[in-house]
Amino acid sequence: QILRIDTTMAAVNFGYTETAGTWH
């Protein structure tokens, strides 16, 4: 929602990686 208000902020790829390397 902040990205809608302030377009100068960079988008973020929200997620995590397992120890095996799989991205979620």
PDB file of all heavy atoms in Angstrom:
ATOM      1  N   GLN A   1       0.834  -1.209   0.000  1.00  0.00           N
ATOM      2  CA  GLN A   1       0.000   0.000   0.000  1.00  0.00           C
ATOM      3  C   GLN A   1       0.870   1.261   0.000  1.00  0.00           C
ATOM      4  O   GLN A   1       0.504   2.280  -0.582  1.00  0.00           O
ATOM      5  CB  GLN A   1      -0.940   0.000   1.204  1.00  0.00           C
ATOM      6  CG  GLN A   1      -1.838  -1.221   1.283  1.00  0.00           C
ATOM      7  CD  GLN A   1      -2.469  -1.573  -0.055  1.00  0.00           C
ATOM      8  OE1 GLN A   1      -3.169  -0.755  -0.661  1.00  0.00           O
ATOM      9  NE2 GLN A   1      -2.229  -2.792  -0.524  1.00  0.00           N
ATOM     10  N   ILE A   2       2.028   1.194   0.659  1.00  0.00           N
ATOM     11  CA  ILE A   2       2.953   2.330   0.633  1.00  0.00           C
ATOM     12  C   ILE A   2       3.423   2.601  -0.789  1.00  0.00           C
ATOM     13  O   ILE A   2       3.584   3.752  -1.206  1.00  0.00           O
ATOM     14  CB  ILE A   2       4.151   2.065   1.570  1.00  0.00           C
ATOM     15  CG1 ILE A   2       3.685   2.026   3.035  1.00  0.00           C
ATOM     16  CG2 ILE A   2       5.230   3.127   1.399  1.00  0.00           C
ATOM     17  CD1 ILE A   2       4.774   1.625   4.002  1.00  0.00           C
ATOM     18  N   LEU A   3       3.621   1.531  -1.578  1.00  0.00           N
ATOM     19  CA  LEU A   3       4.056   1.697  -2.964  1.00  0.00           C
ATOM     20  C   LEU A   3       3.021   2.448  -3.795  1.00  0.00           C
ATOM     21  O   LEU A   3       3.365   3.105  -4.783  1.00  0.00           O
ATOM     22  CB  LEU A   3       4.327   0.327  -3.595  1.00  0.00           C
ATOM     23  CG  LEU A   3       5.512  -0.455  -3.018  1.00  0.00           C
ATOM     24  CD1 LEU A   3       5.597  -1.828  -3.659  1.00  0.00           C
ATOM     25  CD2 LEU A   3       6.818   0.300  -3.210  1.00  0.00           C
ATOM     26  N   ARG A   4       1.753   2.363  -3.421  1.00  0.00           N
ATOM     27  CA  ARG A   4       0.713   3.121  -4.114  1.00  0.00           C
ATOM     28  C   ARG A   4       0.793   4.604  -3.761  1.00  0.00           C
ATOM     29  O   ARG A   4       0.451   5.461  -4.562  1.00  0.00           O
ATOM     30  CB  ARG A   4      -0.674   2.600  -3.709  1.00  0.00           C
ATOM     31  CG  ARG A   4      -1.002   1.217  -4.221  1.00  0.00           C
ATOM     32  CD  ARG A   4      -2.243   0.673  -3.514  1.00  0.00           C
ATOM     33  NE  ARG A   4      -2.765  -0.477  -4.227  1.00  0.00           N
ATOM     34  CZ  ARG A   4      -3.759  -0.430  -5.106  1.00  0.00           C
ATOM     35  NH1 ARG A   4      -4.345   0.720  -5.374  1.00  0.00           N
ATOM     36  NH2 ARG A   4      -4.172  -1.513  -5.719  1.00  0.00           N
ATOM     37  N   ILE A   5       1.210   4.871  -2.507  1.00  0.00           N
ATOM     38  CA  ILE A   5       1.249   6.251  -2.023  1.00  0.00           C
ATOM     39  C   ILE A   5       2.534   6.946  -2.449  1.00  0.00           C
ATOM     40  O   ILE A   5       2.533   8.110  -2.839  1.00  0.00           O
ATOM     41  CB  ILE A   5       1.115   6.256  -0.478  1.00  0.00           C
ATOM     42  CG1 ILE A   5      -0.230   5.652  -0.070  1.00  0.00           C
ATOM     43  CG2 ILE A   5       1.263   7.663   0.082  1.00  0.00           C
ATOM     44  CD1 ILE A   5      -0.340   5.367   1.413  1.00  0.00           C
ATOM     45  N   ASP A   6       3.640   6.216  -2.364  1.00  0.00           N
ATOM     46  CA  ASP A   6       4.954   6.789  -2.665  1.00  0.00           C
ATOM     47  C   ASP A   6       5.629   5.930  -3.737  1.00  0.00           C
ATOM     48  O   ASP A   6       6.239   4.904  -3.446  1.00  0.00           O
ATOM     49  CB  ASP A   6       5.805   6.815  -1.389  1.00  0.00           C
ATOM     50  CG  ASP A   6       7.148   7.507  -1.597  1.00  0.00           C
ATOM     51  OD1 ASP A   6       7.467   7.850  -2.747  1.00  0.00           O
ATOM     52  OD2 ASP A   6       7.880   7.691  -0.601  1.00  0.00           O
ATOM     53  N   THR A   7       5.529   6.352  -4.977  1.00  0.00           N
ATOM     54  CA  THR A   7       6.068   5.566  -6.089  1.00  0.00           C
ATOM     55  C   THR A   7       7.585   5.631  -6.168  1.00  0.00           C
ATOM     56  O   THR A   7       8.186   4.946  -6.997  1.00  0.00           O
ATOM     57  CB  THR A   7       5.475   6.054  -7.421  1.00  0.00           C
ATOM     58  OG1 THR A   7       5.726   7.454  -7.563  1.00  0.00           O
ATOM     59  CG2 THR A   7       3.971   5.805  -7.461  1.00  0.00           C
ATOM     60  N   THR A   8       8.213   6.447  -5.311  1.00  0.00           N
ATOM     61  CA  THR A   8       9.682   6.489  -5.315  1.00  0.00           C
ATOM     62  C   THR A   8      10.275   5.295  -4.572  1.00  0.00           C
ATOM     63  O   THR A   8      11.465   5.011  -4.701  1.00  0.00           O
ATOM     64  CB  THR A   8      10.194   7.788  -4.659  1.00  0.00           C
ATOM     65  OG1 THR A   8       9.817   7.806  -3.273  1.00  0.00           O
ATOM     66  CG2 THR A   8       9.603   9.002  -5.360  1.00  0.00           C
ATOM     67  N   MET A   9       9.443   4.612  -3.776  1.00  0.00           N
ATOM     68  CA  MET A   9       9.942   3.440  -3.059  1.00  0.00           C
ATOM     69  C   MET A   9      10.064   2.255  -4.011  1.00  0.00           C
ATOM     70  O   MET A   9       9.231   2.061  -4.900  1.00  0.00           O
ATOM     71  CB  MET A   9       9.006   3.075  -1.900  1.00  0.00           C
ATOM     72  CG  MET A   9       9.176   3.956  -0.679  1.00  0.00           C
ATOM     73  SD  MET A   9       8.405   3.197   0.767  1.00  0.00           S
ATOM     74  CE  MET A   9       8.945   4.326   2.054  1.00  0.00           C
ATOM     75  N   ALA A  10      11.084   1.456  -3.798  1.00  0.00           N
ATOM     76  CA  ALA A  10      11.324   0.306  -4.660  1.00  0.00           C
ATOM     77  C   ALA A  10      10.436  -0.865  -4.245  1.00  0.00           C
ATOM     78  O   ALA A  10      10.226  -1.108  -3.059  1.00  0.00           O
ATOM     79  CB  ALA A  10      12.794  -0.102  -4.583  1.00  0.00           C
ATOM     80  N   ALA A  11       9.907  -1.563  -5.252  1.00  0.00           N
ATOM     81  CA  ALA A  11       9.129  -2.769  -4.976  1.00  0.00           C
ATOM     82  C   ALA A  11      10.029  -3.843  -4.372  1.00  0.00           C
ATOM     83  O   ALA A  11      11.222  -3.901  -4.643  1.00  0.00           O
ATOM     84  CB  ALA A  11       8.481  -3.279  -6.255  1.00  0.00           C
ATOM     85  N   VAL A  12       9.433  -4.677  -3.532  1.00  0.00           N
ATOM     86  CA  VAL A  12      10.187  -5.695  -2.807  1.00  0.00           C
ATOM     87  C   VAL A  12       9.641  -7.073  -3.157  1.00  0.00           C
ATOM     88  O   VAL A  12       8.422  -7.266  -3.258  1.00  0.00           O
ATOM     89  CB  VAL A  12      10.084  -5.472  -1.278  1.00  0.00           C
ATOM     90  CG1 VAL A  12      10.825  -6.567  -0.528  1.00  0.00           C
ATOM     91  CG2 VAL A  12      10.627  -4.106  -0.904  1.00  0.00           C
ATOM     92  N   ASN A  13      10.527  -8.013  -3.349  1.00  0.00           N
ATOM     93  CA  ASN A  13      10.141  -9.393  -3.613  1.00  0.00           C
ATOM     94  C   ASN A  13      10.018 -10.118  -2.276  1.00  0.00           C
ATOM     95  O   ASN A  13      11.014 -10.571  -1.712  1.00  0.00           O
ATOM     96  CB  ASN A  13      11.199 -10.058  -4.498  1.00  0.00           C
ATOM     97  CG  ASN A  13      10.711 -11.362  -5.088  1.00  0.00           C
ATOM     98  OD1 ASN A  13       9.530 -11.679  -5.010  1.00  0.00           O
ATOM     99  ND2 ASN A  13      11.611 -12.112  -5.682  1.00  0.00           N
ATOM    100  N   PHE A  14       8.800 -10.208  -1.756  1.00  0.00           N
ATOM    101  CA  PHE A  14       8.585 -10.802  -0.442  1.00  0.00           C
ATOM    102  C   PHE A  14       8.541 -12.320  -0.544  1.00  0.00           C
ATOM    103  O   PHE A  14       7.740 -12.876  -1.295  1.00  0.00           O
ATOM    104  CB  PHE A  14       7.279 -10.291   0.174  1.00  0.00           C
ATOM    105  CG  PHE A  14       7.391  -8.928   0.780  1.00  0.00           C
ATOM    106  CD1 PHE A  14       7.115  -7.795   0.031  1.00  0.00           C
ATOM    107  CD2 PHE A  14       7.782  -8.773   2.094  1.00  0.00           C
ATOM    108  CE1 PHE A  14       7.219  -6.534   0.585  1.00  0.00           C
ATOM    109  CE2 PHE A  14       7.893  -7.517   2.664  1.00  0.00           C
ATOM    110  CZ  PHE A  14       7.618  -6.395   1.901  1.00  0.00           C
ATOM    111  N   GLY A  15       9.388 -12.957   0.216  1.00  0.00           N
ATOM    112  CA  GLY A  15       9.406 -14.409   0.240  1.00  0.00           C
ATOM    113  C   GLY A  15      10.611 -14.919   0.998  1.00  0.00           C
ATOM    114  O   GLY A  15      11.333 -14.154   1.653  1.00  0.00           O
ATOM    115  N   TYR A  16      10.855 -16.213   0.878  1.00  0.00           N
ATOM    116  CA  TYR A  16      11.939 -16.834   1.634  1.00  0.00           C
ATOM    117  C   TYR A  16      12.452 -18.046   0.867  1.00  0.00           C
ATOM    118  O   TYR A  16      11.783 -18.585  -0.024  1.00  0.00           O
ATOM    119  CB  TYR A  16      11.461 -17.255   3.025  1.00  0.00           C
ATOM    120  CG  TYR A  16      10.277 -18.199   2.995  1.00  0.00           C
ATOM    121  CD1 TYR A  16      10.458 -19.582   3.043  1.00  0.00           C
ATOM    122  CD2 TYR A  16       8.978 -17.710   2.887  1.00  0.00           C
ATOM    123  CE1 TYR A  16       9.385 -20.442   2.995  1.00  0.00           C
ATOM    124  CE2 TYR A  16       7.895 -18.562   2.835  1.00  0.00           C
ATOM    125  CZ  TYR A  16       8.097 -19.929   2.890  1.00  0.00           C
ATOM    126  OH  TYR A  16       7.024 -20.785   2.829  1.00  0.00           O
ATOM    127  N   THR A  17      13.642 -18.480   1.214  1.00  0.00           N
ATOM    128  CA  THR A  17      14.272 -19.635   0.587  1.00  0.00           C
ATOM    129  C   THR A  17      14.481 -20.729   1.620  1.00  0.00           C
ATOM    130  O   THR A  17      14.911 -20.458   2.746  1.00  0.00           O
ATOM    131  CB  THR A  17      15.640 -19.243  -0.012  1.00  0.00           C
ATOM    132  OG1 THR A  17      15.458 -18.151  -0.915  1.00  0.00           O
ATOM    133  CG2 THR A  17      16.253 -20.414  -0.765  1.00  0.00           C
ATOM    134  N   GLU A  18      14.160 -21.955   1.247  1.00  0.00           N
ATOM    135  CA  GLU A  18      14.450 -23.090   2.114  1.00  0.00           C
ATOM    136  C   GLU A  18      15.948 -23.370   2.104  1.00  0.00           C
ATOM    137  O   GLU A  18      16.677 -22.909   1.225  1.00  0.00           O
ATOM    138  CB  GLU A  18      13.703 -24.332   1.630  1.00  0.00           C
ATOM    139  CG  GLU A  18      12.195 -24.250   1.731  1.00  0.00           C
ATOM    140  CD  GLU A  18      11.550 -25.551   1.300  1.00  0.00           C
ATOM    141  OE1 GLU A  18      12.107 -26.625   1.629  1.00  0.00           O
ATOM    142  OE2 GLU A  18      10.509 -25.490   0.637  1.00  0.00           O
ATOM    143  N   THR A  19      16.392 -24.161   3.066  1.00  0.00           N
ATOM    144  CA  THR A  19      17.809 -24.518   3.099  1.00  0.00           C
ATOM    145  C   THR A  19      18.223 -25.274   1.840  1.00  0.00           C
ATOM    146  O   THR A  19      19.378 -25.211   1.424  1.00  0.00           O
ATOM    147  CB  THR A  19      18.107 -25.391   4.341  1.00  0.00           C
ATOM    148  OG1 THR A  19      17.169 -26.480   4.378  1.00  0.00           O
ATOM    149  CG2 THR A  19      17.976 -24.586   5.615  1.00  0.00           C
ATOM    150  N   ALA A  20      17.259 -25.963   1.218  1.00  0.00           N
ATOM    151  CA  ALA A  20      17.557 -26.699  -0.016  1.00  0.00           C
ATOM    152  C   ALA A  20      17.660 -25.775  -1.222  1.00  0.00           C
ATOM    153  O   ALA A  20      18.031 -26.208  -2.306  1.00  0.00           O
ATOM    154  CB  ALA A  20      16.490 -27.757  -0.268  1.00  0.00           C
ATOM    155  N   GLY A  21      17.305 -24.487  -1.032  1.00  0.00           N
ATOM    156  CA  GLY A  21      17.431 -23.525  -2.116  1.00  0.00           C
ATOM    157  C   GLY A  21      16.149 -23.189  -2.841  1.00  0.00           C
ATOM    158  O   GLY A  21      16.143 -22.366  -3.762  1.00  0.00           O
ATOM    159  N   THR A  22      15.025 -23.805  -2.447  1.00  0.00           N
ATOM    160  CA  THR A  22      13.738 -23.536  -3.104  1.00  0.00           C
ATOM    161  C   THR A  22      13.175 -22.204  -2.637  1.00  0.00           C
ATOM    162  O   THR A  22      13.065 -21.945  -1.436  1.00  0.00           O
ATOM    163  CB  THR A  22      12.728 -24.654  -2.790  1.00  0.00           C
ATOM    164  OG1 THR A  22      13.293 -25.912  -3.152  1.00  0.00           O
ATOM    165  CG2 THR A  22      11.432 -24.426  -3.562  1.00  0.00           C
ATOM    166  N   TRP A  23      12.799 -21.368  -3.601  1.00  0.00           N
ATOM    167  CA  TRP A  23      12.238 -20.044  -3.302  1.00  0.00           C
ATOM    168  C   TRP A  23      10.725 -20.133  -3.166  1.00  0.00           C
ATOM    169  O   TRP A  23      10.053 -20.799  -3.958  1.00  0.00           O
ATOM    170  CB  TRP A  23      12.596 -19.060  -4.404  1.00  0.00           C
ATOM    171  CG  TRP A  23      11.824 -17.766  -4.333  1.00  0.00           C
ATOM    172  CD1 TRP A  23      10.753 -17.397  -5.080  1.00  0.00           C
ATOM    173  CD2 TRP A  23      12.058 -16.671  -3.430  1.00  0.00           C
ATOM    174  NE1 TRP A  23      10.306 -16.158  -4.718  1.00  0.00           N
ATOM    175  CE2 TRP A  23      11.088 -15.692  -3.707  1.00  0.00           C
ATOM    176  CE3 TRP A  23      13.003 -16.451  -2.423  1.00  0.00           C
ATOM    177  CZ2 TRP A  23      11.042 -14.487  -3.007  1.00  0.00           C
ATOM    178  CZ3 TRP A  23      12.936 -15.252  -1.726  1.00  0.00           C
ATOM    179  CH2 TRP A  23      11.974 -14.288  -2.022  1.00  0.00           C
ATOM    180  N   HIS A  24      10.171 -19.451  -2.162  1.00  0.00           N
ATOM    181  CA  HIS A  24       8.733 -19.386  -1.948  1.00  0.00           C
ATOM    182  C   HIS A  24       8.318 -17.916  -1.854  1.00  0.00           C
ATOM    183  O   HIS A  24       8.710 -17.229  -0.906  1.00  0.00           O
ATOM    184  CB  HIS A  24       8.326 -20.111  -0.662  1.00  0.00           C
ATOM    185  CG  HIS A  24       8.622 -21.577  -0.666  1.00  0.00           C
ATOM    186  ND1 HIS A  24       7.782 -22.510  -1.224  1.00  0.00           N
ATOM    187  CD2 HIS A  24       9.687 -22.281  -0.187  1.00  0.00           C
ATOM    188  CE1 HIS A  24       8.305 -23.715  -1.085  1.00  0.00           C
ATOM    189  NE2 HIS A  24       9.466 -23.598  -0.461  1.00  0.00           N
TER     190      HIS A  24
END
